[in-house]
Amino acid sequence: MSRLIKKDNFIWLTLALIATLVAGALTEEYPGVFALHLTEFANVLFLLVALFSLRKDETWLTGLLIVVGGMMVSSVIRQTTDWPGADTAYLIFLLTFYISAIRLVGREVLLTGSVDLNKVIGSIALYFLLGLLFSVMFTLLLQFSPDALKGLEIIDPVNQISSTNYFSFVTLTTLGYGDISPITPLARVLVILESVSGMFYLALIVASLVGSMQRPN
């Protein structure tokens, strides 16, 4: 089993990220305390699956375990107290996890080695990670500027992260439906950075995969 996960690590990572998106959507689809607790538990579980699939060495693994542990602690504090800083702490831990995962996956997927199914799936996982990273940034922004995004009625940004997930991926893919749009200058800067990142990523991943296919083994 360990060898299977190591061989197909990006497949497990991608499944975990998709499950994270689905879990967030179910929270908004079926609101309630039970759904919220279940989703937060599921998110931590999926991140642990992602963590296990990305493991490289004990130092890196320990660092991300601390990050996931911090998420769990801040989640418990959110559920049991009214301390407003718990939401921000949760999002910062989540942001740290995504940045670390992007760094590791990018090193293995972009411009290295031969192309196989696992690497192609890894490029998809990296795209998901990029969208989720900006989603957390938008959610953090809404913590301090609730009116930053027009068309998004935010009551609790952390519990409505599915909405920022949607806006983030619409921006990343430059679809631009227009149902949600940035209002504040900082929100517009994040939108610019994400849309440019999305276009640049597609060009980079195509060049990387083509270059890997043409490189002699």
N, C-alpha and C. Protein backbone atom coordinates (compact mmCIF):
# COMPACT_ATOMS: atom_id res chain seq x y z
N MET A 1 0.83 -1.21 0.00
CA MET A 1 0.00 0.00 0.00
C MET A 1 0.87 1.26 0.00
N SER A 2 1.92 1.24 0.84
CA SER A 2 2.82 2.39 0.91
C SER A 2 3.49 2.64 -0.43
N ARG A 3 3.91 1.55 -1.11
CA ARG A 3 4.54 1.68 -2.43
C ARG A 3 3.54 2.22 -3.45
N LEU A 4 2.30 1.79 -3.36
CA LEU A 4 1.27 2.26 -4.30
C LEU A 4 1.04 3.75 -4.13
N ILE A 5 0.95 4.21 -2.88
CA ILE A 5 0.73 5.63 -2.63
C ILE A 5 1.92 6.46 -3.10
N LYS A 6 3.13 5.93 -2.88
CA LYS A 6 4.33 6.64 -3.30
C LYS A 6 4.39 6.73 -4.82
N LYS A 7 4.02 5.66 -5.51
CA LYS A 7 4.07 5.63 -6.97
C LYS A 7 3.03 6.56 -7.57
N ASP A 8 1.84 6.57 -7.02
CA ASP A 8 0.73 7.37 -7.55
C ASP A 8 0.38 8.51 -6.61
N ASN A 9 1.41 9.15 -6.05
CA ASN A 9 1.17 10.16 -5.01
C ASN A 9 0.32 11.32 -5.50
N PHE A 10 0.50 11.75 -6.75
CA PHE A 10 -0.25 12.89 -7.25
C PHE A 10 -1.71 12.54 -7.52
N ILE A 11 -1.97 11.29 -7.81
CA ILE A 11 -3.36 10.87 -7.98
C ILE A 11 -4.10 10.98 -6.66
N TRP A 12 -3.47 10.53 -5.57
CA TRP A 12 -4.08 10.64 -4.24
C TRP A 12 -4.24 12.10 -3.84
N LEU A 13 -3.24 12.91 -4.16
CA LEU A 13 -3.32 14.34 -3.84
C LEU A 13 -4.48 15.01 -4.57
N THR A 14 -4.62 14.72 -5.86
CA THR A 14 -5.70 15.32 -6.65
C THR A 14 -7.07 14.91 -6.12
N LEU A 15 -7.22 13.64 -5.79
CA LEU A 15 -8.49 13.17 -5.22
C LEU A 15 -8.79 13.88 -3.91
N ALA A 16 -7.77 14.09 -3.08
CA ALA A 16 -7.96 14.78 -1.81
C ALA A 16 -8.38 16.23 -2.03
N LEU A 17 -7.80 16.89 -3.02
CA LEU A 17 -8.15 18.28 -3.29
C LEU A 17 -9.57 18.40 -3.84
N ILE A 18 -9.96 17.48 -4.71
CA ILE A 18 -11.33 17.49 -5.23
C ILE A 18 -12.32 17.24 -4.10
N ALA A 19 -11.97 16.30 -3.20
CA ALA A 19 -12.85 16.03 -2.05
C ALA A 19 -12.97 17.25 -1.14
N THR A 20 -11.89 18.03 -1.02
CA THR A 20 -11.93 19.26 -0.23
C THR A 20 -12.92 20.26 -0.84
N LEU A 21 -12.90 20.39 -2.17
CA LEU A 21 -13.85 21.28 -2.84
C LEU A 21 -15.29 20.83 -2.63
N VAL A 22 -15.51 19.52 -2.76
CA VAL A 22 -16.87 18.98 -2.57
C VAL A 22 -17.34 19.18 -1.14
N ALA A 23 -16.46 18.96 -0.17
CA ALA A 23 -16.82 19.12 1.23
C ALA A 23 -17.22 20.57 1.53
N GLY A 24 -16.47 21.52 0.97
CA GLY A 24 -16.81 22.92 1.17
C GLY A 24 -18.16 23.28 0.55
N ALA A 25 -18.44 22.71 -0.62
CA ALA A 25 -19.73 22.97 -1.28
C ALA A 25 -20.89 22.41 -0.48
N LEU A 26 -20.70 21.23 0.12
CA LEU A 26 -21.77 20.61 0.90
C LEU A 26 -22.11 21.42 2.15
N THR A 27 -21.12 22.13 2.68
CA THR A 27 -21.38 22.97 3.85
C THR A 27 -22.38 24.07 3.52
N GLU A 28 -22.21 24.68 2.34
CA GLU A 28 -23.14 25.74 1.94
C GLU A 28 -24.46 25.17 1.44
N GLU A 29 -24.41 23.98 0.85
CA GLU A 29 -25.63 23.35 0.34
C GLU A 29 -26.53 22.90 1.48
N TYR A 30 -25.93 22.39 2.55
CA TYR A 30 -26.68 21.92 3.70
C TYR A 30 -26.13 22.58 4.96
N PRO A 31 -26.47 23.85 5.19
CA PRO A 31 -25.91 24.59 6.32
C PRO A 31 -26.38 24.01 7.65
N GLY A 32 -25.56 24.24 8.66
CA GLY A 32 -25.88 23.75 10.00
C GLY A 32 -24.62 23.43 10.75
N VAL A 33 -24.72 23.36 12.04
CA VAL A 33 -23.55 23.11 12.88
C VAL A 33 -22.94 21.74 12.57
N PHE A 34 -23.79 20.72 12.41
CA PHE A 34 -23.28 19.38 12.15
C PHE A 34 -22.53 19.34 10.82
N ALA A 35 -23.10 19.97 9.80
CA ALA A 35 -22.45 19.99 8.49
C ALA A 35 -21.12 20.71 8.56
N LEU A 36 -21.07 21.80 9.34
CA LEU A 36 -19.83 22.57 9.46
C LEU A 36 -18.75 21.73 10.13
N HIS A 37 -19.09 21.08 11.25
CA HIS A 37 -18.12 20.27 11.96
C HIS A 37 -17.65 19.11 11.10
N LEU A 38 -18.59 18.49 10.39
CA LEU A 38 -18.24 17.36 9.52
C LEU A 38 -17.30 17.81 8.41
N THR A 39 -17.56 18.99 7.85
CA THR A 39 -16.72 19.49 6.77
C THR A 39 -15.32 19.82 7.25
N GLU A 40 -15.22 20.44 8.41
CA GLU A 40 -13.91 20.79 8.94
C GLU A 40 -13.11 19.52 9.26
N PHE A 41 -13.78 18.51 9.77
CA PHE A 41 -13.11 17.23 10.03
C PHE A 41 -12.66 16.61 8.71
N ALA A 42 -13.53 16.67 7.70
CA ALA A 42 -13.20 16.10 6.40
C ALA A 42 -12.03 16.84 5.77
N ASN A 43 -12.00 18.17 5.88
CA ASN A 43 -10.91 18.94 5.30
C ASN A 43 -9.57 18.54 5.90
N VAL A 44 -9.54 18.39 7.22
CA VAL A 44 -8.30 17.98 7.88
C VAL A 44 -7.90 16.58 7.42
N LEU A 45 -8.88 15.68 7.30
CA LEU A 45 -8.61 14.32 6.84
C LEU A 45 -8.03 14.33 5.43
N PHE A 46 -8.64 15.12 4.54
CA PHE A 46 -8.17 15.18 3.16
C PHE A 46 -6.76 15.78 3.09
N LEU A 47 -6.50 16.78 3.93
CA LEU A 47 -5.17 17.38 3.95
C LEU A 47 -4.13 16.39 4.46
N LEU A 48 -4.53 15.55 5.39
CA LEU A 48 -3.62 14.51 5.87
C LEU A 48 -3.30 13.50 4.76
N VAL A 49 -4.33 13.17 3.97
CA VAL A 49 -4.10 12.29 2.81
C VAL A 49 -3.12 12.95 1.84
N ALA A 50 -3.35 14.24 1.58
CA ALA A 50 -2.45 14.98 0.71
C ALA A 50 -1.05 15.04 1.30
N LEU A 51 -0.98 15.26 2.59
CA LEU A 51 0.31 15.32 3.29
C LEU A 51 1.07 14.01 3.15
N PHE A 52 0.38 12.91 3.33
CA PHE A 52 1.01 11.59 3.24
C PHE A 52 1.49 11.31 1.82
N SER A 53 0.72 11.76 0.84
CA SER A 53 1.09 11.51 -0.55
C SER A 53 2.29 12.35 -0.98
N LEU A 54 2.53 13.47 -0.29
CA LEU A 54 3.62 14.37 -0.68
C LEU A 54 4.89 14.17 0.13
N ARG A 55 4.87 13.29 1.09
CA ARG A 55 5.99 13.17 2.03
C ARG A 55 7.30 12.93 1.29
N LYS A 56 8.35 13.58 1.79
CA LYS A 56 9.66 13.43 1.18
C LYS A 56 10.72 13.08 2.22
N ASP A 57 10.75 13.83 3.30
CA ASP A 57 11.69 13.55 4.36
C ASP A 57 11.05 13.91 5.69
N GLU A 58 11.66 13.51 6.77
CA GLU A 58 11.07 13.68 8.09
C GLU A 58 10.93 15.16 8.46
N THR A 59 11.89 15.97 8.07
CA THR A 59 11.82 17.40 8.42
C THR A 59 10.63 18.06 7.76
N TRP A 60 10.47 17.81 6.45
CA TRP A 60 9.35 18.39 5.71
C TRP A 60 8.03 17.86 6.25
N LEU A 61 7.98 16.57 6.52
CA LEU A 61 6.76 15.96 7.03
C LEU A 61 6.38 16.52 8.39
N THR A 62 7.37 16.69 9.26
CA THR A 62 7.12 17.25 10.59
C THR A 62 6.57 18.66 10.50
N GLY A 63 7.15 19.46 9.59
CA GLY A 63 6.70 20.83 9.43
C GLY A 63 5.25 20.92 9.01
N LEU A 64 4.86 20.10 8.04
CA LEU A 64 3.47 20.17 7.59
C LEU A 64 2.51 19.52 8.59
N LEU A 65 2.99 18.56 9.35
CA LEU A 65 2.15 18.01 10.42
C LEU A 65 1.85 19.08 11.46
N ILE A 66 2.83 19.93 11.74
CA ILE A 66 2.61 21.05 12.67
C ILE A 66 1.57 22.00 12.11
N VAL A 67 1.65 22.25 10.79
CA VAL A 67 0.68 23.14 10.14
C VAL A 67 -0.73 22.57 10.23
N VAL A 68 -0.88 21.27 9.90
CA VAL A 68 -2.20 20.63 9.96
C VAL A 68 -2.69 20.57 11.41
N GLY A 69 -1.76 20.32 12.34
CA GLY A 69 -2.13 20.34 13.75
C GLY A 69 -2.62 21.70 14.19
N GLY A 70 -1.96 22.75 13.70
CA GLY A 70 -2.41 24.11 14.01
C GLY A 70 -3.81 24.37 13.47
N MET A 71 -4.10 23.82 12.29
CA MET A 71 -5.45 23.96 11.73
C MET A 71 -6.48 23.28 12.63
N MET A 72 -6.15 22.10 13.11
CA MET A 72 -7.07 21.36 13.96
C MET A 72 -7.34 22.12 15.27
N VAL A 73 -6.27 22.66 15.86
CA VAL A 73 -6.43 23.40 17.12
C VAL A 73 -7.26 24.66 16.90
N SER A 74 -6.95 25.41 15.85
CA SER A 74 -7.71 26.63 15.58
C SER A 74 -9.15 26.32 15.23
N SER A 75 -9.40 25.17 14.58
CA SER A 75 -10.76 24.77 14.27
C SER A 75 -11.56 24.47 15.54
N VAL A 76 -10.92 23.78 16.48
CA VAL A 76 -11.58 23.49 17.76
C VAL A 76 -11.88 24.79 18.51
N ILE A 77 -10.93 25.71 18.49
CA ILE A 77 -11.14 27.01 19.16
C ILE A 77 -12.29 27.75 18.52
N ARG A 78 -12.38 27.70 17.19
CA ARG A 78 -13.48 28.36 16.48
C ARG A 78 -14.82 27.80 16.92
N GLN A 79 -14.87 26.50 17.11
CA GLN A 79 -16.14 25.84 17.43
C GLN A 79 -16.54 26.01 18.88
N THR A 80 -15.58 26.28 19.76
CA THR A 80 -15.88 26.31 21.20
C THR A 80 -15.81 27.70 21.82
N THR A 81 -15.25 28.67 21.09
CA THR A 81 -15.13 30.02 21.65
C THR A 81 -15.58 31.04 20.61
N ASP A 82 -15.62 32.29 21.03
CA ASP A 82 -15.97 33.39 20.13
C ASP A 82 -14.75 34.23 19.76
N TRP A 83 -13.56 33.67 19.96
CA TRP A 83 -12.35 34.43 19.68
C TRP A 83 -12.22 34.67 18.17
N PRO A 84 -12.26 35.92 17.71
CA PRO A 84 -12.25 36.20 16.27
C PRO A 84 -10.93 35.83 15.60
N GLY A 85 -9.84 35.79 16.36
CA GLY A 85 -8.56 35.47 15.77
C GLY A 85 -8.43 34.03 15.32
N ALA A 86 -9.33 33.15 15.79
CA ALA A 86 -9.25 31.74 15.42
C ALA A 86 -9.49 31.54 13.92
N ASP A 87 -10.40 32.32 13.35
CA ASP A 87 -10.67 32.22 11.91
C ASP A 87 -9.42 32.59 11.11
N THR A 88 -8.80 33.69 11.51
CA THR A 88 -7.60 34.14 10.80
C THR A 88 -6.47 33.13 10.94
N ALA A 89 -6.30 32.58 12.14
CA ALA A 89 -5.25 31.58 12.37
C ALA A 89 -5.48 30.35 11.50
N TYR A 90 -6.74 29.89 11.42
CA TYR A 90 -7.08 28.74 10.60
C TYR A 90 -6.71 28.99 9.14
N LEU A 91 -7.03 30.17 8.64
CA LEU A 91 -6.76 30.49 7.25
C LEU A 91 -5.26 30.62 6.98
N ILE A 92 -4.53 31.17 7.94
CA ILE A 92 -3.08 31.31 7.77
C ILE A 92 -2.41 29.94 7.73
N PHE A 93 -2.84 29.03 8.59
CA PHE A 93 -2.30 27.67 8.55
C PHE A 93 -2.62 27.00 7.22
N LEU A 94 -3.85 27.20 6.74
CA LEU A 94 -4.26 26.62 5.46
C LEU A 94 -3.45 27.21 4.31
N LEU A 95 -3.23 28.51 4.37
CA LEU A 95 -2.42 29.19 3.35
C LEU A 95 -1.00 28.64 3.34
N THR A 96 -0.44 28.42 4.52
CA THR A 96 0.91 27.88 4.63
C THR A 96 0.99 26.48 4.02
N PHE A 97 -0.03 25.68 4.27
CA PHE A 97 -0.05 24.33 3.71
C PHE A 97 -0.05 24.37 2.19
N TYR A 98 -0.91 25.21 1.61
CA TYR A 98 -1.00 25.26 0.15
C TYR A 98 0.29 25.79 -0.47
N ILE A 99 0.91 26.78 0.14
CA ILE A 99 2.17 27.30 -0.39
C ILE A 99 3.24 26.21 -0.37
N SER A 100 3.31 25.48 0.73
CA SER A 100 4.31 24.40 0.84
C SER A 100 4.04 23.30 -0.18
N ALA A 101 2.77 22.95 -0.36
CA ALA A 101 2.42 21.90 -1.31
C ALA A 101 2.72 22.32 -2.74
N ILE A 102 2.44 23.59 -3.07
CA ILE A 102 2.74 24.11 -4.41
C ILE A 102 4.24 24.05 -4.68
N ARG A 103 5.01 24.42 -3.69
CA ARG A 103 6.47 24.40 -3.84
C ARG A 103 6.97 22.98 -4.12
N LEU A 104 6.45 22.01 -3.38
CA LEU A 104 6.92 20.64 -3.54
C LEU A 104 6.44 20.03 -4.85
N VAL A 105 5.16 20.18 -5.15
CA VAL A 105 4.61 19.61 -6.38
C VAL A 105 5.26 20.25 -7.60
N GLY A 106 5.43 21.57 -7.54
CA GLY A 106 6.05 22.27 -8.67
C GLY A 106 7.45 21.77 -8.97
N ARG A 107 8.21 21.47 -7.92
CA ARG A 107 9.58 20.96 -8.11
C ARG A 107 9.58 19.59 -8.78
N GLU A 108 8.55 18.80 -8.55
CA GLU A 108 8.51 17.45 -9.12
C GLU A 108 7.85 17.40 -10.50
N VAL A 109 6.97 18.34 -10.76
CA VAL A 109 6.17 18.28 -12.00
C VAL A 109 6.79 19.11 -13.11
N LEU A 110 7.29 20.31 -12.79
CA LEU A 110 7.71 21.24 -13.83
C LEU A 110 9.15 21.01 -14.25
N LEU A 111 9.34 20.79 -15.55
CA LEU A 111 10.67 20.75 -16.18
C LEU A 111 11.60 19.70 -15.59
N THR A 112 11.06 18.60 -15.12
CA THR A 112 11.92 17.54 -14.57
C THR A 112 11.41 16.18 -15.00
N GLY A 113 12.34 15.26 -15.28
CA GLY A 113 12.01 13.87 -15.49
C GLY A 113 11.17 13.59 -16.73
N SER A 114 10.80 12.32 -16.85
CA SER A 114 9.98 11.88 -17.98
C SER A 114 8.51 12.02 -17.65
N VAL A 115 7.68 12.03 -18.68
CA VAL A 115 6.24 12.21 -18.51
C VAL A 115 5.58 10.85 -18.31
N ASP A 116 4.77 10.75 -17.28
CA ASP A 116 3.94 9.58 -17.08
C ASP A 116 2.58 10.05 -16.56
N LEU A 117 1.67 9.10 -16.34
CA LEU A 117 0.33 9.47 -15.90
C LEU A 117 0.36 10.22 -14.57
N ASN A 118 1.22 9.77 -13.66
CA ASN A 118 1.29 10.42 -12.35
C ASN A 118 1.72 11.88 -12.47
N LYS A 119 2.66 12.16 -13.38
CA LYS A 119 3.11 13.54 -13.55
C LYS A 119 2.02 14.40 -14.20
N VAL A 120 1.30 13.84 -15.15
CA VAL A 120 0.19 14.59 -15.76
C VAL A 120 -0.86 14.91 -14.70
N ILE A 121 -1.20 13.94 -13.87
CA ILE A 121 -2.14 14.19 -12.77
C ILE A 121 -1.56 15.22 -11.81
N GLY A 122 -0.23 15.17 -11.61
CA GLY A 122 0.42 16.14 -10.75
C GLY A 122 0.25 17.57 -11.25
N SER A 123 0.29 17.74 -12.57
CA SER A 123 0.09 19.08 -13.13
C SER A 123 -1.34 19.57 -12.87
N ILE A 124 -2.30 18.64 -12.85
CA ILE A 124 -3.68 19.00 -12.52
C ILE A 124 -3.78 19.37 -11.04
N ALA A 125 -3.11 18.58 -10.20
CA ALA A 125 -3.10 18.87 -8.76
C ALA A 125 -2.50 20.24 -8.48
N LEU A 126 -1.44 20.59 -9.20
CA LEU A 126 -0.80 21.88 -9.02
C LEU A 126 -1.75 23.02 -9.39
N TYR A 127 -2.54 22.81 -10.43
CA TYR A 127 -3.54 23.81 -10.84
C TYR A 127 -4.61 23.97 -9.77
N PHE A 128 -5.06 22.86 -9.21
CA PHE A 128 -6.03 22.93 -8.10
C PHE A 128 -5.43 23.67 -6.91
N LEU A 129 -4.19 23.36 -6.58
CA LEU A 129 -3.53 24.00 -5.45
C LEU A 129 -3.42 25.51 -5.66
N LEU A 130 -3.14 25.92 -6.88
CA LEU A 130 -3.03 27.35 -7.18
C LEU A 130 -4.38 28.05 -6.97
N GLY A 131 -5.46 27.41 -7.45
CA GLY A 131 -6.78 28.00 -7.26
C GLY A 131 -7.18 28.06 -5.80
N LEU A 132 -6.88 27.01 -5.05
CA LEU A 132 -7.21 26.97 -3.62
C LEU A 132 -6.38 27.98 -2.83
N LEU A 133 -5.14 28.18 -3.26
CA LEU A 133 -4.29 29.18 -2.59
C LEU A 133 -4.91 30.56 -2.70
N PHE A 134 -5.32 30.95 -3.90
CA PHE A 134 -5.93 32.27 -4.08
C PHE A 134 -7.29 32.34 -3.39
N SER A 135 -7.99 31.22 -3.32
CA SER A 135 -9.26 31.20 -2.60
C SER A 135 -9.07 31.57 -1.13
N VAL A 136 -8.03 31.01 -0.52
CA VAL A 136 -7.74 31.34 0.88
C VAL A 136 -7.36 32.82 1.00
N MET A 137 -6.62 33.34 0.02
CA MET A 137 -6.25 34.76 0.05
C MET A 137 -7.50 35.64 -0.01
N PHE A 138 -8.45 35.28 -0.89
CA PHE A 138 -9.69 36.05 -0.97
C PHE A 138 -10.48 35.95 0.34
N THR A 139 -10.48 34.77 0.94
CA THR A 139 -11.20 34.58 2.20
C THR A 139 -10.57 35.41 3.31
N LEU A 140 -9.24 35.44 3.35
CA LEU A 140 -8.55 36.29 4.32
C LEU A 140 -8.88 37.76 4.08
N LEU A 141 -8.93 38.16 2.83
CA LEU A 141 -9.28 39.54 2.51
C LEU A 141 -10.67 39.89 3.02
N LEU A 142 -11.61 38.96 2.84
CA LEU A 142 -12.98 39.19 3.29
C LEU A 142 -13.08 39.28 4.81
N GLN A 143 -12.12 38.67 5.51
CA GLN A 143 -12.10 38.78 6.97
C GLN A 143 -11.96 40.24 7.40
N PHE A 144 -11.19 41.00 6.63
CA PHE A 144 -10.89 42.38 7.00
C PHE A 144 -11.66 43.40 6.15
N SER A 145 -12.14 42.95 4.99
CA SER A 145 -12.89 43.84 4.10
C SER A 145 -14.07 43.08 3.50
N PRO A 146 -15.17 42.96 4.27
CA PRO A 146 -16.32 42.14 3.83
C PRO A 146 -16.94 42.57 2.51
N ASP A 147 -16.73 43.82 2.10
CA ASP A 147 -17.33 44.31 0.86
C ASP A 147 -16.36 44.26 -0.32
N ALA A 148 -15.30 43.49 -0.20
CA ALA A 148 -14.27 43.47 -1.24
C ALA A 148 -14.77 42.86 -2.55
N LEU A 149 -15.74 41.94 -2.46
CA LEU A 149 -16.24 41.26 -3.65
C LEU A 149 -17.74 41.53 -3.83
N LYS A 150 -18.09 42.16 -4.92
CA LYS A 150 -19.49 42.43 -5.21
C LYS A 150 -20.18 41.17 -5.70
N GLY A 151 -21.41 40.93 -5.21
CA GLY A 151 -22.16 39.76 -5.61
C GLY A 151 -21.96 38.58 -4.69
N LEU A 152 -21.16 38.77 -3.65
CA LEU A 152 -20.88 37.70 -2.70
C LEU A 152 -21.31 38.17 -1.32
N GLU A 153 -22.48 37.70 -0.88
CA GLU A 153 -22.99 38.08 0.44
C GLU A 153 -22.32 37.20 1.49
N ILE A 154 -21.41 37.80 2.23
CA ILE A 154 -20.61 37.06 3.18
C ILE A 154 -21.10 37.31 4.60
N ILE A 155 -21.46 36.23 5.27
CA ILE A 155 -21.82 36.29 6.69
C ILE A 155 -20.64 35.81 7.53
N ASP A 156 -20.08 34.70 7.13
CA ASP A 156 -18.91 34.12 7.79
C ASP A 156 -17.98 33.61 6.69
N PRO A 157 -16.91 34.35 6.38
CA PRO A 157 -16.04 33.97 5.25
C PRO A 157 -15.50 32.55 5.33
N VAL A 158 -15.09 32.10 6.50
CA VAL A 158 -14.50 30.77 6.62
C VAL A 158 -15.52 29.68 6.31
N ASN A 159 -16.75 29.87 6.78
CA ASN A 159 -17.79 28.87 6.54
C ASN A 159 -18.38 28.94 5.14
N GLN A 160 -18.03 29.98 4.39
CA GLN A 160 -18.52 30.12 3.02
C GLN A 160 -17.37 30.08 2.02
N ILE A 161 -16.35 29.33 2.37
CA ILE A 161 -15.16 29.29 1.53
C ILE A 161 -15.45 28.65 0.17
N SER A 162 -16.52 27.90 0.06
CA SER A 162 -16.89 27.33 -1.24
C SER A 162 -17.16 28.44 -2.26
N SER A 163 -17.72 29.56 -1.80
CA SER A 163 -17.99 30.68 -2.70
C SER A 163 -16.70 31.31 -3.20
N THR A 164 -15.72 31.44 -2.32
CA THR A 164 -14.44 31.99 -2.76
C THR A 164 -13.69 30.97 -3.62
N ASN A 165 -13.91 29.67 -3.36
CA ASN A 165 -13.34 28.65 -4.25
C ASN A 165 -13.85 28.84 -5.68
N TYR A 166 -15.16 29.02 -5.78
CA TYR A 166 -15.79 29.22 -7.09
C TYR A 166 -15.23 30.46 -7.78
N PHE A 167 -15.18 31.58 -7.05
CA PHE A 167 -14.69 32.82 -7.64
C PHE A 167 -13.22 32.68 -8.04
N SER A 168 -12.45 32.00 -7.21
CA SER A 168 -11.03 31.83 -7.49
C SER A 168 -10.80 31.05 -8.78
N PHE A 169 -11.51 29.95 -8.96
CA PHE A 169 -11.28 29.13 -10.15
C PHE A 169 -11.85 29.79 -11.41
N VAL A 170 -12.92 30.55 -11.26
CA VAL A 170 -13.44 31.32 -12.40
C VAL A 170 -12.40 32.35 -12.83
N THR A 171 -11.73 32.96 -11.85
CA THR A 171 -10.69 33.94 -12.15
C THR A 171 -9.45 33.26 -12.72
N LEU A 172 -9.04 32.14 -12.12
CA LEU A 172 -7.84 31.43 -12.56
C LEU A 172 -7.95 30.99 -14.01
N THR A 173 -9.14 30.54 -14.41
CA THR A 173 -9.35 30.08 -15.77
C THR A 173 -9.77 31.20 -16.71
N THR A 174 -9.86 32.43 -16.19
CA THR A 174 -10.24 33.64 -16.93
C THR A 174 -11.61 33.49 -17.60
N LEU A 175 -12.52 32.74 -16.96
CA LEU A 175 -13.87 32.61 -17.49
C LEU A 175 -14.64 33.93 -17.36
N GLY A 176 -14.55 34.55 -16.17
CA GLY A 176 -15.14 35.86 -15.96
C GLY A 176 -16.65 35.90 -16.17
N TYR A 177 -17.39 35.10 -15.41
CA TYR A 177 -18.85 35.09 -15.54
C TYR A 177 -19.46 36.44 -15.17
N GLY A 178 -18.86 37.14 -14.22
CA GLY A 178 -19.36 38.47 -13.85
C GLY A 178 -20.34 38.47 -12.71
N ASP A 179 -20.74 37.29 -12.20
CA ASP A 179 -21.67 37.27 -11.08
C ASP A 179 -21.01 37.73 -9.79
N ILE A 180 -19.69 37.56 -9.69
CA ILE A 180 -18.92 38.08 -8.57
C ILE A 180 -17.77 38.89 -9.15
N SER A 181 -17.54 40.07 -8.61
CA SER A 181 -16.48 40.93 -9.15
C SER A 181 -15.78 41.68 -8.02
N PRO A 182 -14.51 42.01 -8.22
CA PRO A 182 -13.75 42.72 -7.17
C PRO A 182 -14.14 44.19 -7.11
N ILE A 183 -14.17 44.73 -5.91
CA ILE A 183 -14.54 46.12 -5.70
C ILE A 183 -13.38 46.94 -5.18
N THR A 184 -12.72 46.44 -4.16
CA THR A 184 -11.64 47.20 -3.53
C THR A 184 -10.35 47.06 -4.34
N PRO A 185 -9.43 48.01 -4.20
CA PRO A 185 -8.16 47.94 -4.94
C PRO A 185 -7.37 46.66 -4.66
N LEU A 186 -7.32 46.22 -3.40
CA LEU A 186 -6.56 45.02 -3.08
C LEU A 186 -7.18 43.78 -3.70
N ALA A 187 -8.51 43.72 -3.72
CA ALA A 187 -9.19 42.60 -4.36
C ALA A 187 -8.88 42.57 -5.86
N ARG A 188 -8.83 43.73 -6.46
CA ARG A 188 -8.52 43.78 -7.89
C ARG A 188 -7.09 43.35 -8.17
N VAL A 189 -6.17 43.70 -7.27
CA VAL A 189 -4.78 43.26 -7.43
C VAL A 189 -4.70 41.73 -7.37
N LEU A 190 -5.42 41.12 -6.41
CA LEU A 190 -5.41 39.66 -6.30
C LEU A 190 -5.99 39.01 -7.56
N VAL A 191 -7.04 39.61 -8.11
CA VAL A 191 -7.65 39.09 -9.34
C VAL A 191 -6.65 39.16 -10.49
N ILE A 192 -5.93 40.27 -10.60
CA ILE A 192 -4.93 40.42 -11.66
C ILE A 192 -3.84 39.36 -11.51
N LEU A 193 -3.34 39.21 -10.29
CA LEU A 193 -2.27 38.24 -10.05
C LEU A 193 -2.73 36.81 -10.37
N GLU A 194 -3.97 36.49 -9.99
CA GLU A 194 -4.44 35.12 -10.23
C GLU A 194 -4.68 34.87 -11.71
N SER A 195 -5.29 35.82 -12.41
CA SER A 195 -5.57 35.60 -13.83
C SER A 195 -4.27 35.49 -14.63
N VAL A 196 -3.27 36.31 -14.30
CA VAL A 196 -1.98 36.21 -14.97
C VAL A 196 -1.31 34.88 -14.64
N SER A 197 -1.39 34.46 -13.37
CA SER A 197 -0.82 33.18 -12.95
C SER A 197 -1.46 32.02 -13.70
N GLY A 198 -2.78 32.10 -13.88
CA GLY A 198 -3.49 31.03 -14.58
C GLY A 198 -3.05 30.90 -16.03
N MET A 199 -2.92 32.03 -16.72
CA MET A 199 -2.49 31.99 -18.12
C MET A 199 -1.03 31.55 -18.24
N PHE A 200 -0.19 32.07 -17.36
CA PHE A 200 1.23 31.72 -17.39
C PHE A 200 1.42 30.24 -17.06
N TYR A 201 0.62 29.72 -16.13
CA TYR A 201 0.76 28.32 -15.75
C TYR A 201 0.48 27.39 -16.92
N LEU A 202 -0.58 27.68 -17.67
CA LEU A 202 -0.91 26.83 -18.81
C LEU A 202 0.22 26.80 -19.82
N ALA A 203 0.82 27.97 -20.10
CA ALA A 203 1.94 28.01 -21.04
C ALA A 203 3.14 27.25 -20.47
N LEU A 204 3.38 27.40 -19.17
CA LEU A 204 4.53 26.76 -18.55
C LEU A 204 4.37 25.24 -18.52
N ILE A 205 3.16 24.76 -18.18
CA ILE A 205 2.97 23.32 -18.06
C ILE A 205 3.04 22.65 -19.43
N VAL A 206 2.52 23.31 -20.46
CA VAL A 206 2.61 22.75 -21.81
C VAL A 206 4.07 22.65 -22.23
N ALA A 207 4.84 23.72 -21.99
CA ALA A 207 6.27 23.71 -22.34
C ALA A 207 7.00 22.63 -21.55
N SER A 208 6.64 22.47 -20.28
CA SER A 208 7.30 21.47 -19.43
C SER A 208 7.02 20.06 -19.92
N LEU A 209 5.76 19.76 -20.21
CA LEU A 209 5.40 18.41 -20.65
C LEU A 209 5.98 18.09 -22.02
N VAL A 210 5.93 19.05 -22.93
CA VAL A 210 6.49 18.83 -24.26
C VAL A 210 8.00 18.65 -24.18
N GLY A 211 8.65 19.48 -23.35
CA GLY A 211 10.09 19.37 -23.19
C GLY A 211 10.49 18.04 -22.58
N SER A 212 9.71 17.55 -21.62
CA SER A 212 10.01 16.27 -21.00
C SER A 212 9.82 15.12 -21.98
N MET A 213 8.83 15.23 -22.86
CA MET A 213 8.59 14.17 -23.85
C MET A 213 9.70 14.13 -24.89
N GLN A 214 10.28 15.28 -25.23
CA GLN A 214 11.30 15.33 -26.25
C GLN A 214 12.69 15.05 -25.70
N ARG A 215 12.83 15.15 -24.37
CA ARG A 215 14.15 14.93 -23.76
C ARG A 215 14.47 13.44 -23.79
N PRO A 216 15.66 13.04 -24.25
CA PRO A 216 16.02 11.63 -24.27
C PRO A 216 16.12 11.06 -22.89
N ASN A 217 15.67 9.79 -22.69
CA ASN A 217 15.72 9.13 -21.39
C ASN A 217 17.17 8.79 -21.00
